[in-house]
């Protein structure tokens, strides 16, 4: 007997969305990547807000972004006076967000904007306030694989939760307290999910595709990053014990 056919995929819900795009020295990627993101937002048929955070770039990243969004009242560029880190960029974007749902993308072209449809569909199907994502495959070399495995092991050892979150996540804005989330580094993308998991927030995890970086190089170094994550995990544990 043949197995029953798989049900058709659910269409994305046209909910209002604030999308934070962060970049540091990504001038070569801005025009094609940000252009594709803006086109996807416009085609969704729902209110949107595009918040491009230039995290202290030394090249023409900010100027290129302003050229792409020129004339769009729903898009703006926010510039940091110096490079502060992915966490700081995300906090800046969320503080500026005004719509009820928020997500983010890096400006390296690795994640096509339509991949976010899967997160929205899952949130609508299961009536959730947060949906995480993992990559089907990511060929960024051994250092990324090592970093991911080490971080997950450390999270389980220090906080006792099984974290499955590699890529962007979609969340209700009220869940994200930028003043409570201390890290300015990429560790914020671990701390926020850890806090939600520890609080028992219902969630789902969807699988999305990840492409090779369009241009340029990753800004992280594996061994240094792992050491930093270990320190941040312990710091978070202490802050949670102190009720912060």
C-alpha atoms as a PDB file:
ATOM      1  CA  UNK A   1       0.000   0.000   0.000  1.00  0.00           C
ATOM      2  CA  UNK A   2       1.329   3.396  -0.952  1.00  0.00           C
ATOM      3  CA  UNK A   3       1.641   5.927   1.882  1.00  0.00           C
ATOM      4  CA  UNK A   4      -0.907   8.747   1.838  1.00  0.00           C
ATOM      5  CA  UNK A   5       0.239  11.885   0.043  1.00  0.00           C
ATOM      6  CA  UNK A   6       1.773  14.622   2.156  1.00  0.00           C
ATOM      7  CA  UNK A   7      -0.573  17.513   2.898  1.00  0.00           C
ATOM      8  CA  UNK A   8       0.103  20.690   0.926  1.00  0.00           C
ATOM      9  CA  UNK A   9       2.247  23.269   2.708  1.00  0.00           C
ATOM     10  CA  UNK A  10       0.358  25.898   4.650  1.00  0.00           C
ATOM     11  CA  UNK A  11       0.444  29.396   3.152  1.00  0.00           C
ATOM     12  CA  UNK A  12       2.194  32.061   5.206  1.00  0.00           C
ATOM     13  CA  UNK A  13      -0.082  34.239   7.296  1.00  0.00           C
ATOM     14  CA  UNK A  14      -0.054  37.899   6.183  1.00  0.00           C
ATOM     15  CA  UNK A  15       0.763  39.259   9.633  1.00  0.00           C
ATOM     16  CA  UNK A  16       2.400  42.652  10.242  1.00  0.00           C
ATOM     17  CA  UNK A  17       6.173  42.154  10.417  1.00  0.00           C
ATOM     18  CA  UNK A  18       9.164  44.200  11.521  1.00  0.00           C
ATOM     19  CA  UNK A  19      12.275  42.760   9.861  1.00  0.00           C
ATOM     20  CA  UNK A  20      15.699  43.679  11.235  1.00  0.00           C
ATOM     21  CA  UNK A  21      18.601  43.352   8.797  1.00  0.00           C
ATOM     22  CA  UNK A  22      22.052  43.768  10.330  1.00  0.00           C
ATOM     23  CA  UNK A  23      25.322  44.331   8.488  1.00  0.00           C
ATOM     24  CA  UNK A  24      28.960  45.069   9.155  1.00  0.00           C
ATOM     25  CA  UNK A  25      31.186  45.798   6.139  1.00  0.00           C
ATOM     26  CA  UNK A  26      28.769  44.170   3.676  1.00  0.00           C
ATOM     27  CA  UNK A  27      28.796  46.823   0.947  1.00  0.00           C
ATOM     28  CA  UNK A  28      29.135  44.243  -1.843  1.00  0.00           C
ATOM     29  CA  UNK A  29      26.043  42.381  -0.625  1.00  0.00           C
ATOM     30  CA  UNK A  30      23.695  45.227   0.217  1.00  0.00           C
ATOM     31  CA  UNK A  31      22.131  46.021  -3.169  1.00  0.00           C
ATOM     32  CA  UNK A  32      21.183  42.445  -4.203  1.00  0.00           C
ATOM     33  CA  UNK A  33      20.419  41.111  -0.721  1.00  0.00           C
ATOM     34  CA  UNK A  34      18.486  44.087   0.623  1.00  0.00           C
ATOM     35  CA  UNK A  35      16.704  44.491  -2.711  1.00  0.00           C
ATOM     36  CA  UNK A  36      15.461  40.893  -2.532  1.00  0.00           C
ATOM     37  CA  UNK A  37      14.346  41.338   1.081  1.00  0.00           C
ATOM     38  CA  UNK A  38      12.444  44.508   0.274  1.00  0.00           C
ATOM     39  CA  UNK A  39      10.778  42.854  -2.713  1.00  0.00           C
ATOM     40  CA  UNK A  40       9.649  39.936  -0.534  1.00  0.00           C
ATOM     41  CA  UNK A  41       8.240  42.263   2.126  1.00  0.00           C
ATOM     42  CA  UNK A  42       6.286  44.263  -0.446  1.00  0.00           C
ATOM     43  CA  UNK A  43       4.844  41.101  -1.995  1.00  0.00           C
ATOM     44  CA  UNK A  44       3.538  39.675   1.302  1.00  0.00           C
ATOM     45  CA  UNK A  45       0.407  41.788   1.308  1.00  0.00           C
ATOM     46  CA  UNK A  46       0.753  42.838   4.941  1.00  0.00           C
ATOM     47  CA  UNK A  47       2.141  45.881   6.785  1.00  0.00           C
ATOM     48  CA  UNK A  48       5.906  45.725   7.133  1.00  0.00           C
ATOM     49  CA  UNK A  49       8.797  47.621   8.629  1.00  0.00           C
ATOM     50  CA  UNK A  50      12.361  47.158   7.378  1.00  0.00           C
ATOM     51  CA  UNK A  51      15.022  48.179   9.874  1.00  0.00           C
ATOM     52  CA  UNK A  52      18.532  48.065   8.450  1.00  0.00           C
ATOM     53  CA  UNK A  53      21.167  48.328  11.190  1.00  0.00           C
ATOM     54  CA  UNK A  54      24.619  49.314   9.943  1.00  0.00           C
ATOM     55  CA  UNK A  55      26.799  48.121  12.804  1.00  0.00           C
ATOM     56  CA  UNK A  56      29.632  50.629  12.457  1.00  0.00           C
ATOM     57  CA  UNK A  57      30.749  49.583   8.977  1.00  0.00           C
ATOM     58  CA  UNK A  58      34.016  51.002   7.633  1.00  0.00           C
ATOM     59  CA  UNK A  59      32.925  50.783   3.994  1.00  0.00           C
ATOM     60  CA  UNK A  60      29.895  52.080   2.112  1.00  0.00           C
ATOM     61  CA  UNK A  61      27.364  49.665   3.644  1.00  0.00           C
ATOM     62  CA  UNK A  62      25.113  52.390   5.058  1.00  0.00           C
ATOM     63  CA  UNK A  63      25.129  54.485   1.885  1.00  0.00           C
ATOM     64  CA  UNK A  64      24.305  51.438  -0.233  1.00  0.00           C
ATOM     65  CA  UNK A  65      21.375  50.588   2.050  1.00  0.00           C
ATOM     66  CA  UNK A  66      19.974  54.117   1.828  1.00  0.00           C
ATOM     67  CA  UNK A  67      20.109  53.903  -1.961  1.00  0.00           C
ATOM     68  CA  UNK A  68      18.106  50.651  -1.953  1.00  0.00           C
ATOM     69  CA  UNK A  69      15.349  51.844   0.395  1.00  0.00           C
ATOM     70  CA  UNK A  70      15.107  55.400  -0.945  1.00  0.00           C
ATOM     71  CA  UNK A  71      11.478  56.501  -1.131  1.00  0.00           C
ATOM     72  CA  UNK A  72      10.112  53.638   1.007  1.00  0.00           C
ATOM     73  CA  UNK A  73       8.437  55.130   4.082  1.00  0.00           C
ATOM     74  CA  UNK A  74       8.350  51.705   5.757  1.00  0.00           C
ATOM     75  CA  UNK A  75      12.127  51.279   5.688  1.00  0.00           C
ATOM     76  CA  UNK A  76      14.945  53.051   7.504  1.00  0.00           C
ATOM     77  CA  UNK A  77      18.686  52.783   8.135  1.00  0.00           C
ATOM     78  CA  UNK A  78      20.026  52.979  11.691  1.00  0.00           C
ATOM     79  CA  UNK A  79      23.779  53.461  12.083  1.00  0.00           C
ATOM     80  CA  UNK A  80      25.981  52.553  15.039  1.00  0.00           C
ATOM     81  CA  UNK A  81      28.915  54.880  15.588  1.00  0.00           C
ATOM     82  CA  UNK A  82      31.191  51.848  15.981  1.00  0.00           C
ATOM     83  CA  UNK A  83      31.026  48.099  15.568  1.00  0.00           C
ATOM     84  CA  UNK A  84      29.148  46.778  18.612  1.00  0.00           C
ATOM     85  CA  UNK A  85      28.206  43.229  17.607  1.00  0.00           C
ATOM     86  CA  UNK A  86      25.266  41.243  16.308  1.00  0.00           C
ATOM     87  CA  UNK A  87      23.488  41.327  19.663  1.00  0.00           C
ATOM     88  CA  UNK A  88      23.678  45.101  19.831  1.00  0.00           C
ATOM     89  CA  UNK A  89      22.423  45.387  16.251  1.00  0.00           C
ATOM     90  CA  UNK A  90      19.452  43.151  16.973  1.00  0.00           C
ATOM     91  CA  UNK A  91      18.587  45.065  20.152  1.00  0.00           C
ATOM     92  CA  UNK A  92      18.756  48.351  18.257  1.00  0.00           C
ATOM     93  CA  UNK A  93      16.418  46.968  15.619  1.00  0.00           C
ATOM     94  CA  UNK A  94      13.899  45.539  18.074  1.00  0.00           C
ATOM     95  CA  UNK A  95      13.837  48.784  20.080  1.00  0.00           C
ATOM     96  CA  UNK A  96      12.874  50.574  16.856  1.00  0.00           C
ATOM     97  CA  UNK A  97      10.289  47.957  15.844  1.00  0.00           C
ATOM     98  CA  UNK A  98       6.649  48.999  16.057  1.00  0.00           C
ATOM     99  CA  UNK A  99       4.815  45.996  14.577  1.00  0.00           C
ATOM    100  CA  UNK A 100       3.736  42.991  16.659  1.00  0.00           C
ATOM    101  CA  UNK A 101       5.912  40.343  14.969  1.00  0.00           C
ATOM    102  CA  UNK A 102       9.691  40.606  14.603  1.00  0.00           C
ATOM    103  CA  UNK A 103      12.394  38.576  12.893  1.00  0.00           C
ATOM    104  CA  UNK A 104      15.847  39.244  11.465  1.00  0.00           C
ATOM    105  CA  UNK A 105      18.260  38.411   8.665  1.00  0.00           C
ATOM    106  CA  UNK A 106      21.968  39.010   8.156  1.00  0.00           C
ATOM    107  CA  UNK A 107      22.947  40.872   4.997  1.00  0.00           C
ATOM    108  CA  UNK A 108      25.237  38.135   3.677  1.00  0.00           C
ATOM    109  CA  UNK A 109      22.681  36.499   1.363  1.00  0.00           C
ATOM    110  CA  UNK A 110      22.844  33.075   3.032  1.00  0.00           C
ATOM    111  CA  UNK A 111      19.151  33.010   3.886  1.00  0.00           C
ATOM    112  CA  UNK A 112      16.634  33.805   1.158  1.00  0.00           C
ATOM    113  CA  UNK A 113      13.822  35.962   2.597  1.00  0.00           C
ATOM    114  CA  UNK A 114      11.117  33.529   1.479  1.00  0.00           C
ATOM    115  CA  UNK A 115      12.534  30.999   3.969  1.00  0.00           C
ATOM    116  CA  UNK A 116      10.873  33.123   6.662  1.00  0.00           C
ATOM    117  CA  UNK A 117       7.488  32.027   5.288  1.00  0.00           C
ATOM    118  CA  UNK A 118       7.965  28.655   7.004  1.00  0.00           C
ATOM    119  CA  UNK A 119       8.316  30.343  10.395  1.00  0.00           C
ATOM    120  CA  UNK A 120       5.185  32.414   9.873  1.00  0.00           C
ATOM    121  CA  UNK A 121       3.161  29.425   8.718  1.00  0.00           C
ATOM    122  CA  UNK A 122       4.200  27.396  11.778  1.00  0.00           C
ATOM    123  CA  UNK A 123       3.394  30.244  14.155  1.00  0.00           C
ATOM    124  CA  UNK A 124      -0.077  30.552  12.600  1.00  0.00           C
ATOM    125  CA  UNK A 125      -0.726  26.806  12.481  1.00  0.00           C
ATOM    126  CA  UNK A 126       0.176  26.197  16.127  1.00  0.00           C
ATOM    127  CA  UNK A 127      -0.797  29.623  17.501  1.00  0.00           C
ATOM    128  CA  UNK A 128       2.690  30.226  18.907  1.00  0.00           C
ATOM    129  CA  UNK A 129       4.486  33.398  19.916  1.00  0.00           C
ATOM    130  CA  UNK A 130       7.937  32.171  18.883  1.00  0.00           C
ATOM    131  CA  UNK A 131       9.320  29.859  16.201  1.00  0.00           C
ATOM    132  CA  UNK A 132      13.008  28.956  15.878  1.00  0.00           C
ATOM    133  CA  UNK A 133      14.845  27.652  12.823  1.00  0.00           C
ATOM    134  CA  UNK A 134      17.658  25.221  12.059  1.00  0.00           C
ATOM    135  CA  UNK A 135      19.526  24.799   8.792  1.00  0.00           C
ATOM    136  CA  UNK A 136      19.043  21.747   6.602  1.00  0.00           C
ATOM    137  CA  UNK A 137      22.712  22.043   5.710  1.00  0.00           C
ATOM    138  CA  UNK A 138      25.336  24.744   6.106  1.00  0.00           C
ATOM    139  CA  UNK A 139      28.682  24.357   4.398  1.00  0.00           C
ATOM    140  CA  UNK A 140      30.717  27.002   6.197  1.00  0.00           C
ATOM    141  CA  UNK A 141      33.650  24.746   7.014  1.00  0.00           C
ATOM    142  CA  UNK A 142      34.734  22.780  10.053  1.00  0.00           C
ATOM    143  CA  UNK A 143      34.856  25.817  12.344  1.00  0.00           C
ATOM    144  CA  UNK A 144      31.111  26.434  12.051  1.00  0.00           C
ATOM    145  CA  UNK A 145      30.337  22.756  12.683  1.00  0.00           C
ATOM    146  CA  UNK A 146      32.611  22.762  15.710  1.00  0.00           C
ATOM    147  CA  UNK A 147      31.103  25.974  17.041  1.00  0.00           C
ATOM    148  CA  UNK A 148      27.521  24.721  16.701  1.00  0.00           C
ATOM    149  CA  UNK A 149      28.220  21.384  18.406  1.00  0.00           C
ATOM    150  CA  UNK A 150      30.234  22.992  21.206  1.00  0.00           C
ATOM    151  CA  UNK A 151      27.586  25.627  21.905  1.00  0.00           C
ATOM    152  CA  UNK A 152      24.760  23.093  22.117  1.00  0.00           C
ATOM    153  CA  UNK A 153      26.798  20.907  24.493  1.00  0.00           C
ATOM    154  CA  UNK A 154      27.644  23.898  26.680  1.00  0.00           C
ATOM    155  CA  UNK A 155      24.033  25.100  26.787  1.00  0.00           C
ATOM    156  CA  UNK A 156      22.841  21.676  27.926  1.00  0.00           C
ATOM    157  CA  UNK A 157      25.630  21.367  30.518  1.00  0.00           C
ATOM    158  CA  UNK A 158      25.217  24.840  32.022  1.00  0.00           C
ATOM    159  CA  UNK A 159      21.472  25.475  31.636  1.00  0.00           C
ATOM    160  CA  UNK A 160      19.945  22.027  31.251  1.00  0.00           C
ATOM    161  CA  UNK A 161      17.963  22.815  28.104  1.00  0.00           C
ATOM    162  CA  UNK A 162      18.195  21.367  24.603  1.00  0.00           C
ATOM    163  CA  UNK A 163      18.649  24.342  22.306  1.00  0.00           C
ATOM    164  CA  UNK A 164      17.751  23.932  18.640  1.00  0.00           C
ATOM    165  CA  UNK A 165      18.183  27.332  17.062  1.00  0.00           C
ATOM    166  CA  UNK A 166      20.704  28.031  14.306  1.00  0.00           C
ATOM    167  CA  UNK A 167      19.062  30.637  12.126  1.00  0.00           C
ATOM    168  CA  UNK A 168      16.553  33.471  12.414  1.00  0.00           C
ATOM    169  CA  UNK A 169      13.621  33.191  14.765  1.00  0.00           C
ATOM    170  CA  UNK A 170      10.203  34.793  14.582  1.00  0.00           C
ATOM    171  CA  UNK A 171       8.741  36.197  17.773  1.00  0.00           C
ATOM    172  CA  UNK A 172       6.141  38.485  19.245  1.00  0.00           C
ATOM    173  CA  UNK A 173       7.743  41.787  20.129  1.00  0.00           C
ATOM    174  CA  UNK A 174       6.578  41.667  23.752  1.00  0.00           C
ATOM    175  CA  UNK A 175       8.763  38.606  24.405  1.00  0.00           C
ATOM    176  CA  UNK A 176      11.978  40.510  23.711  1.00  0.00           C
ATOM    177  CA  UNK A 177      13.188  42.761  26.536  1.00  0.00           C
ATOM    178  CA  UNK A 178      16.212  44.575  25.099  1.00  0.00           C
ATOM    179  CA  UNK A 179      17.064  46.003  28.516  1.00  0.00           C
ATOM    180  CA  UNK A 180      17.134  42.558  30.146  1.00  0.00           C
ATOM    181  CA  UNK A 181      19.253  40.950  27.404  1.00  0.00           C
ATOM    182  CA  UNK A 182      22.804  41.985  28.262  1.00  0.00           C
ATOM    183  CA  UNK A 183      25.038  40.605  25.444  1.00  0.00           C
ATOM    184  CA  UNK A 184      26.025  42.769  22.497  1.00  0.00           C
ATOM    185  CA  UNK A 185      27.775  39.821  20.857  1.00  0.00           C
ATOM    186  CA  UNK A 186      26.189  37.026  18.842  1.00  0.00           C
ATOM    187  CA  UNK A 187      25.606  35.257  22.189  1.00  0.00           C
ATOM    188  CA  UNK A 188      22.347  37.181  22.424  1.00  0.00           C
ATOM    189  CA  UNK A 189      21.011  34.735  19.830  1.00  0.00           C
ATOM    190  CA  UNK A 190      21.556  32.003  22.424  1.00  0.00           C
ATOM    191  CA  UNK A 191      20.491  33.920  25.526  1.00  0.00           C
ATOM    192  CA  UNK A 192      17.077  34.909  24.190  1.00  0.00           C
ATOM    193  CA  UNK A 193      16.076  31.313  23.267  1.00  0.00           C
ATOM    194  CA  UNK A 194      17.555  29.966  26.521  1.00  0.00           C
ATOM    195  CA  UNK A 195      15.443  32.362  28.564  1.00  0.00           C
ATOM    196  CA  UNK A 196      12.308  31.376  26.644  1.00  0.00           C
ATOM    197  CA  UNK A 197      13.019  27.654  27.013  1.00  0.00           C
ATOM    198  CA  UNK A 198      13.659  27.996  30.744  1.00  0.00           C
ATOM    199  CA  UNK A 199      10.399  29.933  31.103  1.00  0.00           C
ATOM    200  CA  UNK A 200       8.484  27.155  29.334  1.00  0.00           C
ATOM    201  CA  UNK A 201       7.360  29.309  26.406  1.00  0.00           C
ATOM    202  CA  UNK A 202       5.625  27.050  23.822  1.00  0.00           C
ATOM    203  CA  UNK A 203       7.664  27.014  20.624  1.00  0.00           C
ATOM    204  CA  UNK A 204       8.407  25.147  17.427  1.00  0.00           C
ATOM    205  CA  UNK A 205      11.472  24.586  15.276  1.00  0.00           C
ATOM    206  CA  UNK A 206      11.377  24.592  11.474  1.00  0.00           C
ATOM    207  CA  UNK A 207      14.067  23.633   8.995  1.00  0.00           C
ATOM    208  CA  UNK A 208      15.188  26.174   6.408  1.00  0.00           C
ATOM    209  CA  UNK A 209      17.742  26.252   3.618  1.00  0.00           C
ATOM    210  CA  UNK A 210      21.072  28.036   3.940  1.00  0.00           C
ATOM    211  CA  UNK A 211      23.076  29.111   0.883  1.00  0.00           C
ATOM    212  CA  UNK A 212      26.756  29.967   0.595  1.00  0.00           C
ATOM    213  CA  UNK A 213      27.605  33.519   1.615  1.00  0.00           C
ATOM    214  CA  UNK A 214      27.174  35.776  -1.416  1.00  0.00           C
ATOM    215  CA  UNK A 215      30.405  37.746  -0.943  1.00  0.00           C
ATOM    216  CA  UNK A 216      32.926  38.498   1.772  1.00  0.00           C
ATOM    217  CA  UNK A 217      33.852  36.389   4.772  1.00  0.00           C
ATOM    218  CA  UNK A 218      32.314  35.451   8.113  1.00  0.00           C
ATOM    219  CA  UNK A 219      33.264  37.767  10.975  1.00  0.00           C
ATOM    220  CA  UNK A 220      33.613  35.033  13.622  1.00  0.00           C
ATOM    221  CA  UNK A 221      36.531  32.796  14.597  1.00  0.00           C
ATOM    222  CA  UNK A 222      35.589  29.394  15.995  1.00  0.00           C
ATOM    223  CA  UNK A 223      37.910  28.853  18.956  1.00  0.00           C
ATOM    224  CA  UNK A 224      37.668  32.448  20.145  1.00  0.00           C
ATOM    225  CA  UNK A 225      33.898  32.338  19.731  1.00  0.00           C
ATOM    226  CA  UNK A 226      33.561  29.096  21.721  1.00  0.00           C
ATOM    227  CA  UNK A 227      35.601  30.528  24.586  1.00  0.00           C
ATOM    228  CA  UNK A 228      33.437  33.659  24.564  1.00  0.00           C
ATOM    229  CA  UNK A 229      30.217  31.622  24.545  1.00  0.00           C
ATOM    230  CA  UNK A 230      31.431  29.572  27.520  1.00  0.00           C
ATOM    231  CA  UNK A 231      32.045  32.754  29.519  1.00  0.00           C
ATOM    232  CA  UNK A 232      28.681  34.190  28.479  1.00  0.00           C
ATOM    233  CA  UNK A 233      26.820  31.006  29.432  1.00  0.00           C
ATOM    234  CA  UNK A 234      28.289  31.104  32.921  1.00  0.00           C
ATOM    235  CA  UNK A 235      27.547  34.833  33.178  1.00  0.00           C
ATOM    236  CA  UNK A 236      23.927  34.212  32.170  1.00  0.00           C
ATOM    237  CA  UNK A 237      23.648  31.451  34.761  1.00  0.00           C
ATOM    238  CA  UNK A 238      24.852  33.827  37.470  1.00  0.00           C
ATOM    239  CA  UNK A 239      22.469  36.555  36.329  1.00  0.00           C
ATOM    240  CA  UNK A 240      19.542  34.141  36.388  1.00  0.00           C
ATOM    241  CA  UNK A 241      20.440  33.029  39.903  1.00  0.00           C
ATOM    242  CA  UNK A 242      20.416  36.702  40.870  1.00  0.00           C
ATOM    243  CA  UNK A 243      16.986  37.133  39.292  1.00  0.00           C
ATOM    244  CA  UNK A 244      18.198  39.202  36.341  1.00  0.00           C
END
